[in-house]
Amino acid sequence: MVTAYVLIEMSAGHSRGLVEKLKDDPGVREASRVTGPYDVLAVIVGEDLNAISNTVAASIHPVQGVLRTTTCIGIQ
């Protein structure tokens, strides 16, 4: 199992909608609005890096207001 931390930059006023959408996604363990240079932090789990990539591409990138993502893969 792979865990990834996705740091998401959003345009103003869109972060709450993304967090609500991600909470219904089975690949997303947690999604929270945060302060600092990023607006949302999502914790994603998947069988491998392809599963992580697919979740980011399908569940995060198409959402209105997403400007940029940075995906950090957890290492053990």
PDB file of N, CA and C in Angstrom:
ATOM      1  N   MET A   1       0.853  -1.180   0.000  1.00  0.00           N
ATOM      2  CA  MET A   1       0.000   0.000   0.000  1.00  0.00           C
ATOM      3  C   MET A   1       0.894   1.236   0.000  1.00  0.00           C
ATOM      4  N   VAL A   2       0.523   2.219  -0.813  1.00  0.00           N
ATOM      5  CA  VAL A   2       1.266   3.473  -0.936  1.00  0.00           C
ATOM      6  C   VAL A   2       0.402   4.594  -0.369  1.00  0.00           C
ATOM      7  N   THR A   3       1.040   5.485   0.390  1.00  0.00           N
ATOM      8  CA  THR A   3       0.361   6.668   0.911  1.00  0.00           C
ATOM      9  C   THR A   3       0.982   7.897   0.266  1.00  0.00           C
ATOM     10  N   ALA A   4       0.143   8.811  -0.181  1.00  0.00           N
ATOM     11  CA  ALA A   4       0.622  10.055  -0.778  1.00  0.00           C
ATOM     12  C   ALA A   4      -0.062  11.228  -0.099  1.00  0.00           C
ATOM     13  N   TYR A   5       0.685  12.304   0.020  1.00  0.00           N
ATOM     14  CA  TYR A   5       0.184  13.552   0.581  1.00  0.00           C
ATOM     15  C   TYR A   5       0.123  14.540  -0.570  1.00  0.00           C
ATOM     16  N   VAL A   6      -1.084  14.981  -0.900  1.00  0.00           N
ATOM     17  CA  VAL A   6      -1.256  15.869  -2.045  1.00  0.00           C
ATOM     18  C   VAL A   6      -1.541  17.277  -1.523  1.00  0.00           C
ATOM     19  N   LEU A   7      -0.647  18.196  -1.866  1.00  0.00           N
ATOM     20  CA  LEU A   7      -0.763  19.598  -1.489  1.00  0.00           C
ATOM     21  C   LEU A   7      -1.413  20.317  -2.660  1.00  0.00           C
ATOM     22  N   ILE A   8      -2.527  20.991  -2.414  1.00  0.00           N
ATOM     23  CA  ILE A   8      -3.341  21.526  -3.496  1.00  0.00           C
ATOM     24  C   ILE A   8      -3.497  23.032  -3.345  1.00  0.00           C
ATOM     25  N   GLU A   9      -3.169  23.745  -4.411  1.00  0.00           N
ATOM     26  CA  GLU A   9      -3.408  25.183  -4.471  1.00  0.00           C
ATOM     27  C   GLU A   9      -4.717  25.406  -5.222  1.00  0.00           C
ATOM     28  N   MET A  10      -5.574  26.256  -4.646  1.00  0.00           N
ATOM     29  CA  MET A  10      -6.906  26.500  -5.215  1.00  0.00           C
ATOM     30  C   MET A  10      -7.094  27.988  -5.483  1.00  0.00           C
ATOM     31  N   SER A  11      -7.989  28.299  -6.413  1.00  0.00           N
ATOM     32  CA  SER A  11      -8.403  29.687  -6.553  1.00  0.00           C
ATOM     33  C   SER A  11      -9.379  29.994  -5.410  1.00  0.00           C
ATOM     34  N   ALA A  12      -9.502  31.257  -5.090  1.00  0.00           N
ATOM     35  CA  ALA A  12     -10.293  31.678  -3.931  1.00  0.00           C
ATOM     36  C   ALA A  12     -11.732  31.172  -4.016  1.00  0.00           C
ATOM     37  N   GLY A  13     -12.214  30.653  -2.879  1.00  0.00           N
ATOM     38  CA  GLY A  13     -13.598  30.257  -2.760  1.00  0.00           C
ATOM     39  C   GLY A  13     -13.935  28.843  -3.191  1.00  0.00           C
ATOM     40  N   HIS A  14     -12.943  28.034  -3.574  1.00  0.00           N
ATOM     41  CA  HIS A  14     -13.229  26.701  -4.076  1.00  0.00           C
ATOM     42  C   HIS A  14     -12.774  25.559  -3.167  1.00  0.00           C
ATOM     43  N   SER A  15     -12.018  25.841  -2.137  1.00  0.00           N
ATOM     44  CA  SER A  15     -11.421  24.758  -1.338  1.00  0.00           C
ATOM     45  C   SER A  15     -12.463  23.921  -0.592  1.00  0.00           C
ATOM     46  N   ARG A  16     -13.492  24.534  -0.078  1.00  0.00           N
ATOM     47  CA  ARG A  16     -14.506  23.784   0.673  1.00  0.00           C
ATOM     48  C   ARG A  16     -15.191  22.746  -0.216  1.00  0.00           C
ATOM     49  N   GLY A  17     -15.497  23.117  -1.445  1.00  0.00           N
ATOM     50  CA  GLY A  17     -16.140  22.187  -2.372  1.00  0.00           C
ATOM     51  C   GLY A  17     -15.251  20.994  -2.698  1.00  0.00           C
ATOM     52  N   LEU A  18     -13.957  21.230  -2.863  1.00  0.00           N
ATOM     53  CA  LEU A  18     -13.035  20.128  -3.145  1.00  0.00           C
ATOM     54  C   LEU A  18     -12.958  19.179  -1.966  1.00  0.00           C
ATOM     55  N   VAL A  19     -12.857  19.710  -0.760  1.00  0.00           N
ATOM     56  CA  VAL A  19     -12.772  18.858   0.440  1.00  0.00           C
ATOM     57  C   VAL A  19     -14.031  17.996   0.553  1.00  0.00           C
ATOM     58  N   GLU A  20     -15.181  18.571   0.342  1.00  0.00           N
ATOM     59  CA  GLU A  20     -16.423  17.797   0.432  1.00  0.00           C
ATOM     60  C   GLU A  20     -16.462  16.699  -0.628  1.00  0.00           C
ATOM     61  N   LYS A  21     -16.015  17.001  -1.837  1.00  0.00           N
ATOM     62  CA  LYS A  21     -15.998  16.004  -2.908  1.00  0.00           C
ATOM     63  C   LYS A  21     -15.030  14.869  -2.580  1.00  0.00           C
ATOM     64  N   LEU A  22     -13.861  15.200  -2.063  1.00  0.00           N
ATOM     65  CA  LEU A  22     -12.846  14.184  -1.790  1.00  0.00           C
ATOM     66  C   LEU A  22     -13.240  13.256  -0.648  1.00  0.00           C
ATOM     67  N   LYS A  23     -14.043  13.729   0.286  1.00  0.00           N
ATOM     68  CA  LYS A  23     -14.444  12.883   1.413  1.00  0.00           C
ATOM     69  C   LYS A  23     -15.269  11.684   0.976  1.00  0.00           C
ATOM     70  N   ASP A  24     -15.863  11.743  -0.214  1.00  0.00           N
ATOM     71  CA  ASP A  24     -16.655  10.630  -0.742  1.00  0.00           C
ATOM     72  C   ASP A  24     -15.831   9.681  -1.610  1.00  0.00           C
ATOM     73  N   ASP A  25     -14.567   9.996  -1.842  1.00  0.00           N
ATOM     74  CA  ASP A  25     -13.714   9.179  -2.713  1.00  0.00           C
ATOM     75  C   ASP A  25     -13.066   8.066  -1.900  1.00  0.00           C
ATOM     76  N   PRO A  26     -13.217   6.806  -2.304  1.00  0.00           N
ATOM     77  CA  PRO A  26     -12.652   5.693  -1.524  1.00  0.00           C
ATOM     78  C   PRO A  26     -11.129   5.686  -1.441  1.00  0.00           C
ATOM     79  N   GLY A  27     -10.449   6.337  -2.377  1.00  0.00           N
ATOM     80  CA  GLY A  27      -8.994   6.379  -2.346  1.00  0.00           C
ATOM     81  C   GLY A  27      -8.443   7.470  -1.449  1.00  0.00           C
ATOM     82  N   VAL A  28      -9.313   8.334  -0.955  1.00  0.00           N
ATOM     83  CA  VAL A  28      -8.881   9.462  -0.127  1.00  0.00           C
ATOM     84  C   VAL A  28      -9.120   9.129   1.340  1.00  0.00           C
ATOM     85  N   ARG A  29      -8.051   9.058   2.101  1.00  0.00           N
ATOM     86  CA  ARG A  29      -8.157   8.762   3.534  1.00  0.00           C
ATOM     87  C   ARG A  29      -8.591   9.990   4.318  1.00  0.00           C
ATOM     88  N   GLU A  30      -8.105  11.162   3.904  1.00  0.00           N
ATOM     89  CA  GLU A  30      -8.425  12.397   4.614  1.00  0.00           C
ATOM     90  C   GLU A  30      -8.260  13.574   3.669  1.00  0.00           C
ATOM     91  N   ALA A  31      -9.058  14.601   3.850  1.00  0.00           N
ATOM     92  CA  ALA A  31      -8.932  15.846   3.093  1.00  0.00           C
ATOM     93  C   ALA A  31      -9.297  16.994   4.017  1.00  0.00           C
ATOM     94  N   SER A  32      -8.415  17.986   4.070  1.00  0.00           N
ATOM     95  CA  SER A  32      -8.632  19.113   4.977  1.00  0.00           C
ATOM     96  C   SER A  32      -8.210  20.417   4.320  1.00  0.00           C
ATOM     97  N   ARG A  33      -8.940  21.478   4.654  1.00  0.00           N
ATOM     98  CA  ARG A  33      -8.468  22.815   4.278  1.00  0.00           C
ATOM     99  C   ARG A  33      -7.365  23.180   5.256  1.00  0.00           C
ATOM    100  N   VAL A  34      -6.319  23.833   4.750  1.00  0.00           N
ATOM    101  CA  VAL A  34      -5.177  24.185   5.588  1.00  0.00           C
ATOM    102  C   VAL A  34      -4.757  25.626   5.324  1.00  0.00           C
ATOM    103  N   THR A  35      -3.935  26.159   6.218  1.00  0.00           N
ATOM    104  CA  THR A  35      -3.387  27.496   6.033  1.00  0.00           C
ATOM    105  C   THR A  35      -1.974  27.380   5.485  1.00  0.00           C
ATOM    106  N   GLY A  36      -1.459  28.469   4.965  1.00  0.00           N
ATOM    107  CA  GLY A  36      -0.116  28.478   4.415  1.00  0.00           C
ATOM    108  C   GLY A  36      -0.157  28.584   2.902  1.00  0.00           C
ATOM    109  N   PRO A  37       0.904  28.140   2.237  1.00  0.00           N
ATOM    110  CA  PRO A  37       0.970  28.300   0.784  1.00  0.00           C
ATOM    111  C   PRO A  37       0.011  27.384   0.012  1.00  0.00           C
ATOM    112  N   TYR A  38      -0.529  26.366   0.668  1.00  0.00           N
ATOM    113  CA  TYR A  38      -1.489  25.462   0.029  1.00  0.00           C
ATOM    114  C   TYR A  38      -2.851  25.664   0.676  1.00  0.00           C
ATOM    115  N   ASP A  39      -3.883  25.248  -0.024  1.00  0.00           N
ATOM    116  CA  ASP A  39      -5.248  25.445   0.459  1.00  0.00           C
ATOM    117  C   ASP A  39      -5.901  24.170   0.964  1.00  0.00           C
ATOM    118  N   VAL A  40      -5.516  23.031   0.381  1.00  0.00           N
ATOM    119  CA  VAL A  40      -6.084  21.738   0.762  1.00  0.00           C
ATOM    120  C   VAL A  40      -4.951  20.717   0.847  1.00  0.00           C
ATOM    121  N   LEU A  41      -5.052  19.847   1.840  1.00  0.00           N
ATOM    122  CA  LEU A  41      -4.135  18.720   1.978  1.00  0.00           C
ATOM    123  C   LEU A  41      -4.969  17.456   1.933  1.00  0.00           C
ATOM    124  N   ALA A  42      -4.627  16.557   1.001  1.00  0.00           N
ATOM    125  CA  ALA A  42      -5.346  15.289   0.881  1.00  0.00           C
ATOM    126  C   ALA A  42      -4.372  14.146   1.116  1.00  0.00           C
ATOM    127  N   VAL A  43      -4.805  13.155   1.877  1.00  0.00           N
ATOM    128  CA  VAL A  43      -4.026  11.937   2.086  1.00  0.00           C
ATOM    129  C   VAL A  43      -4.697  10.849   1.254  1.00  0.00           C
ATOM    130  N   ILE A  44      -3.933  10.309   0.310  1.00  0.00           N
ATOM    131  CA  ILE A  44      -4.468   9.329  -0.629  1.00  0.00           C
ATOM    132  C   ILE A  44      -3.741   8.006  -0.434  1.00  0.00           C
ATOM    133  N   VAL A  45      -4.472   6.920  -0.503  1.00  0.00           N
ATOM    134  CA  VAL A  45      -3.867   5.590  -0.414  1.00  0.00           C
ATOM    135  C   VAL A  45      -4.218   4.812  -1.678  1.00  0.00           C
ATOM    136  N   GLY A  46      -3.281   3.954  -2.086  1.00  0.00           N
ATOM    137  CA  GLY A  46      -3.511   3.130  -3.266  1.00  0.00           C
ATOM    138  C   GLY A  46      -2.578   1.942  -3.271  1.00  0.00           C
ATOM    139  N   GLU A  47      -2.868   0.986  -4.110  1.00  0.00           N
ATOM    140  CA  GLU A  47      -2.050  -0.232  -4.207  1.00  0.00           C
ATOM    141  C   GLU A  47      -0.644   0.060  -4.704  1.00  0.00           C
ATOM    142  N   ASP A  48      -0.513   1.044  -5.596  1.00  0.00           N
ATOM    143  CA  ASP A  48       0.796   1.370  -6.173  1.00  0.00           C
ATOM    144  C   ASP A  48       0.767   2.824  -6.651  1.00  0.00           C
ATOM    145  N   LEU A  49       1.880   3.268  -7.252  1.00  0.00           N
ATOM    146  CA  LEU A  49       1.959   4.652  -7.715  1.00  0.00           C
ATOM    147  C   LEU A  49       0.950   4.942  -8.818  1.00  0.00           C
ATOM    148  N   ASN A  50       0.647   3.955  -9.640  1.00  0.00           N
ATOM    149  CA  ASN A  50      -0.360   4.168 -10.685  1.00  0.00           C
ATOM    150  C   ASN A  50      -1.728   4.470 -10.088  1.00  0.00           C
ATOM    151  N   ALA A  51      -2.085   3.787  -9.021  1.00  0.00           N
ATOM    152  CA  ALA A  51      -3.368   4.043  -8.362  1.00  0.00           C
ATOM    153  C   ALA A  51      -3.403   5.457  -7.791  1.00  0.00           C
ATOM    154  N   ILE A  52      -2.301   5.896  -7.195  1.00  0.00           N
ATOM    155  CA  ILE A  52      -2.209   7.260  -6.663  1.00  0.00           C
ATOM    156  C   ILE A  52      -2.376   8.257  -7.801  1.00  0.00           C
ATOM    157  N   SER A  53      -1.627   8.040  -8.870  1.00  0.00           N
ATOM    158  CA  SER A  53      -1.689   8.928 -10.029  1.00  0.00           C
ATOM    159  C   SER A  53      -3.094   8.994 -10.610  1.00  0.00           C
ATOM    160  N   ASN A  54      -3.757   7.863 -10.696  1.00  0.00           N
ATOM    161  CA  ASN A  54      -5.120   7.829 -11.235  1.00  0.00           C
ATOM    162  C   ASN A  54      -6.091   8.611 -10.359  1.00  0.00           C
ATOM    163  N   THR A  55      -5.943   8.489  -9.050  1.00  0.00           N
ATOM    164  CA  THR A  55      -6.825   9.222  -8.142  1.00  0.00           C
ATOM    165  C   THR A  55      -6.615  10.724  -8.275  1.00  0.00           C
ATOM    166  N   VAL A  56      -5.357  11.146  -8.321  1.00  0.00           N
ATOM    167  CA  VAL A  56      -5.066  12.582  -8.464  1.00  0.00           C
ATOM    168  C   VAL A  56      -5.622  13.094  -9.796  1.00  0.00           C
ATOM    169  N   ALA A  57      -5.390  12.347 -10.866  1.00  0.00           N
ATOM    170  CA  ALA A  57      -5.824  12.780 -12.196  1.00  0.00           C
ATOM    171  C   ALA A  57      -7.344  12.793 -12.341  1.00  0.00           C
ATOM    172  N   ALA A  58      -8.020  11.840 -11.720  1.00  0.00           N
ATOM    173  CA  ALA A  58      -9.477  11.727 -11.895  1.00  0.00           C
ATOM    174  C   ALA A  58     -10.276  12.504 -10.859  1.00  0.00           C
ATOM    175  N   SER A  59      -9.770  12.592  -9.637  1.00  0.00           N
ATOM    176  CA  SER A  59     -10.569  13.160  -8.546  1.00  0.00           C
ATOM    177  C   SER A  59     -10.168  14.568  -8.125  1.00  0.00           C
ATOM    178  N   ILE A  60      -8.958  15.000  -8.509  1.00  0.00           N
ATOM    179  CA  ILE A  60      -8.497  16.320  -8.065  1.00  0.00           C
ATOM    180  C   ILE A  60      -8.322  17.276  -9.242  1.00  0.00           C
ATOM    181  N   HIS A  61      -7.532  16.897 -10.219  1.00  0.00           N
ATOM    182  CA  HIS A  61      -7.227  17.820 -11.323  1.00  0.00           C
ATOM    183  C   HIS A  61      -8.453  18.377 -12.048  1.00  0.00           C
ATOM    184  N   PRO A  62      -9.500  17.596 -12.297  1.00  0.00           N
ATOM    185  CA  PRO A  62     -10.640  18.156 -13.046  1.00  0.00           C
ATOM    186  C   PRO A  62     -11.544  19.100 -12.247  1.00  0.00           C
ATOM    187  N   VAL A  63     -11.362  19.175 -10.948  1.00  0.00           N
ATOM    188  CA  VAL A  63     -12.263  19.971 -10.108  1.00  0.00           C
ATOM    189  C   VAL A  63     -12.029  21.458 -10.344  1.00  0.00           C
ATOM    190  N   GLN A  64     -13.123  22.179 -10.529  1.00  0.00           N
ATOM    191  CA  GLN A  64     -13.032  23.613 -10.753  1.00  0.00           C
ATOM    192  C   GLN A  64     -12.327  24.295  -9.584  1.00  0.00           C
ATOM    193  N   GLY A  65     -11.390  25.157  -9.887  1.00  0.00           N
ATOM    194  CA  GLY A  65     -10.664  25.905  -8.867  1.00  0.00           C
ATOM    195  C   GLY A  65      -9.301  25.348  -8.536  1.00  0.00           C
ATOM    196  N   VAL A  66      -9.009  24.117  -8.942  1.00  0.00           N
ATOM    197  CA  VAL A  66      -7.680  23.549  -8.686  1.00  0.00           C
ATOM    198  C   VAL A  66      -6.682  24.218  -9.621  1.00  0.00           C
ATOM    199  N   LEU A  67      -5.651  24.810  -9.042  1.00  0.00           N
ATOM    200  CA  LEU A  67      -4.632  25.499  -9.821  1.00  0.00           C
ATOM    201  C   LEU A  67      -3.389  24.639 -10.002  1.00  0.00           C
ATOM    202  N   ARG A  68      -2.978  23.965  -8.939  1.00  0.00           N
ATOM    203  CA  ARG A  68      -1.709  23.237  -8.962  1.00  0.00           C
ATOM    204  C   ARG A  68      -1.714  22.202  -7.846  1.00  0.00           C
ATOM    205  N   THR A  69      -1.062  21.067  -8.095  1.00  0.00           N
ATOM    206  CA  THR A  69      -0.908  20.058  -7.046  1.00  0.00           C
ATOM    207  C   THR A  69       0.557  19.667  -6.921  1.00  0.00           C
ATOM    208  N   THR A  70       0.931  19.289  -5.719  1.00  0.00           N
ATOM    209  CA  THR A  70       2.247  18.712  -5.451  1.00  0.00           C
ATOM    210  C   THR A  70       1.980  17.422  -4.696  1.00  0.00           C
ATOM    211  N   THR A  71       2.432  16.303  -5.254  1.00  0.00           N
ATOM    212  CA  THR A  71       2.203  15.005  -4.631  1.00  0.00           C
ATOM    213  C   THR A  71       3.479  14.511  -3.983  1.00  0.00           C
ATOM    214  N   CYS A  72       3.409  14.231  -2.700  1.00  0.00           N
ATOM    215  CA  CYS A  72       4.552  13.734  -1.934  1.00  0.00           C
ATOM    216  C   CYS A  72       4.250  12.290  -1.547  1.00  0.00           C
ATOM    217  N   ILE A  73       5.082  11.365  -1.998  1.00  0.00           N
ATOM    218  CA  ILE A  73       4.890   9.949  -1.709  1.00  0.00           C
ATOM    219  C   ILE A  73       5.553   9.626  -0.368  1.00  0.00           C
ATOM    220  N   GLY A  74       4.803   8.991   0.513  1.00  0.00           N
ATOM    221  CA  GLY A  74       5.340   8.575   1.807  1.00  0.00           C
ATOM    222  C   GLY A  74       6.318   7.414   1.619  1.00  0.00           C
ATOM    223  N   ILE A  75       7.408   7.438   2.378  1.00  0.00           N
ATOM    224  CA  ILE A  75       8.374   6.346   2.340  1.00  0.00           C
ATOM    225  C   ILE A  75       8.449   5.724   3.723  1.00  0.00           C
ATOM    226  N   GLN A  76       8.739   4.419   3.754  1.00  0.00           N
ATOM    227  CA  GLN A  76       8.785   3.716   5.044  1.00  0.00           C
ATOM    228  C   GLN A  76      10.111   3.078   5.252  1.00  0.00           C
TER     229      GLN A  76
END
